[in-house]
Protein backbone atom coordinates (compact mmCIF):
# COMPACT_ATOMS: atom_id res chain seq x y z
CA UNK A 1 129.63 57.74 138.90
CA UNK A 2 131.18 60.33 136.62
CA UNK A 3 133.82 62.79 137.74
CA UNK A 4 135.34 65.83 136.07
CA UNK A 5 139.06 66.37 136.59
CA UNK A 6 140.65 69.80 136.16
CA UNK A 7 144.39 69.25 135.85
CA UNK A 8 147.07 71.94 135.91
CA UNK A 9 150.51 70.99 134.59
CA UNK A 10 153.35 73.43 135.21
CA UNK A 11 157.11 73.39 134.69
CA UNK A 12 159.16 72.80 137.83
CA UNK A 13 160.05 76.07 139.55
CA UNK A 14 163.77 75.36 139.18
CA UNK A 15 163.53 75.08 135.38
CA UNK A 16 163.72 77.92 132.91
CA UNK A 17 160.37 78.67 131.27
CA UNK A 18 161.21 80.36 127.94
CA UNK A 19 157.55 81.03 127.10
CA UNK A 20 156.94 82.57 130.50
CA UNK A 21 160.09 84.67 130.21
CA UNK A 22 159.03 85.99 126.79
CA UNK A 23 155.57 86.88 128.10
CA UNK A 24 157.07 88.55 131.18
CA UNK A 25 159.27 90.73 128.95
CA UNK A 26 156.29 91.58 126.73
CA UNK A 27 154.32 92.74 129.76
CA UNK A 28 156.85 95.53 130.24
CA UNK A 29 156.55 96.51 126.58
CA UNK A 30 152.78 96.82 127.05
CA UNK A 31 153.14 99.07 130.07
CA UNK A 32 152.23 96.29 132.50
CA UNK A 33 155.38 96.53 134.60
CA UNK A 34 153.52 95.34 137.71
CA UNK A 35 153.32 91.81 136.24
CA UNK A 36 156.38 89.61 136.67
CA UNK A 37 157.54 86.01 136.83
CA UNK A 38 154.96 84.64 134.37
CA UNK A 39 154.97 80.83 134.13
CA UNK A 40 153.22 79.09 131.23
CA UNK A 41 151.69 75.65 131.70
CA UNK A 42 148.84 73.49 130.49
CA UNK A 43 145.30 72.95 131.69
CA UNK A 44 143.61 69.64 130.89
CA UNK A 45 139.98 68.75 131.59
CA UNK A 46 138.81 65.17 131.40
CA UNK A 47 135.94 63.00 132.59
CA UNK A 48 136.35 59.71 134.46
CA UNK A 49 133.83 56.94 135.13
CA UNK A 50 134.65 55.39 138.50
CA UNK A 51 132.94 53.77 141.49
CA UNK A 52 134.25 56.36 143.95
CA UNK A 53 136.14 59.63 144.18
CA UNK A 54 139.20 57.74 145.39
CA UNK A 55 139.12 55.41 142.37
CA UNK A 56 138.69 58.39 140.04
CA UNK A 57 141.63 60.14 141.71
CA UNK A 58 143.81 57.06 141.17
CA UNK A 59 142.89 56.96 137.47
CA UNK A 60 143.66 60.65 137.00
CA UNK A 61 147.03 60.26 138.77
CA UNK A 62 147.77 57.32 136.46
CA UNK A 63 146.89 59.36 133.36
CA UNK A 64 149.07 62.24 134.54
CA UNK A 65 152.12 60.16 135.40
CA UNK A 66 151.93 57.90 132.33
CA UNK A 67 150.91 60.33 129.59
CA UNK A 68 149.98 63.92 130.39
CA UNK A 69 152.93 65.08 132.46
CA UNK A 70 156.68 64.77 131.90
CA UNK A 71 157.63 64.43 135.56
CA UNK A 72 161.28 65.23 134.86
CA UNK A 73 160.30 68.75 133.81
CA UNK A 74 156.74 69.25 135.07
CA UNK A 75 154.52 68.74 138.09
CA UNK A 76 150.76 68.44 138.22
CA UNK A 77 147.84 69.14 140.51
CA UNK A 78 144.18 68.38 139.99
CA UNK A 79 140.72 68.78 141.43
CA UNK A 80 137.87 66.32 141.04
CA UNK A 81 134.17 67.06 141.09
CA UNK A 82 131.29 64.66 140.68
CA UNK A 83 129.06 65.45 137.71
CA UNK A 84 125.67 64.11 136.78
């Protein structure tokens, strides 16, 4: 079975996000004062061959914790969908 994983990686809420802060300030300069507290992260899409959704989930968690996400500074969440 093949699964598609959509992974969102974001900085921890307690950490300063300089990119997000710069974008937030720029929103005001563009007249978009209603937008605040922008946080910038990463989105990763990958495909996994696995026997079950549970096995695919374990592989994605492994990839996130070992390579894709710096858990000291970031957290991650993902969704899996089976693809044909």
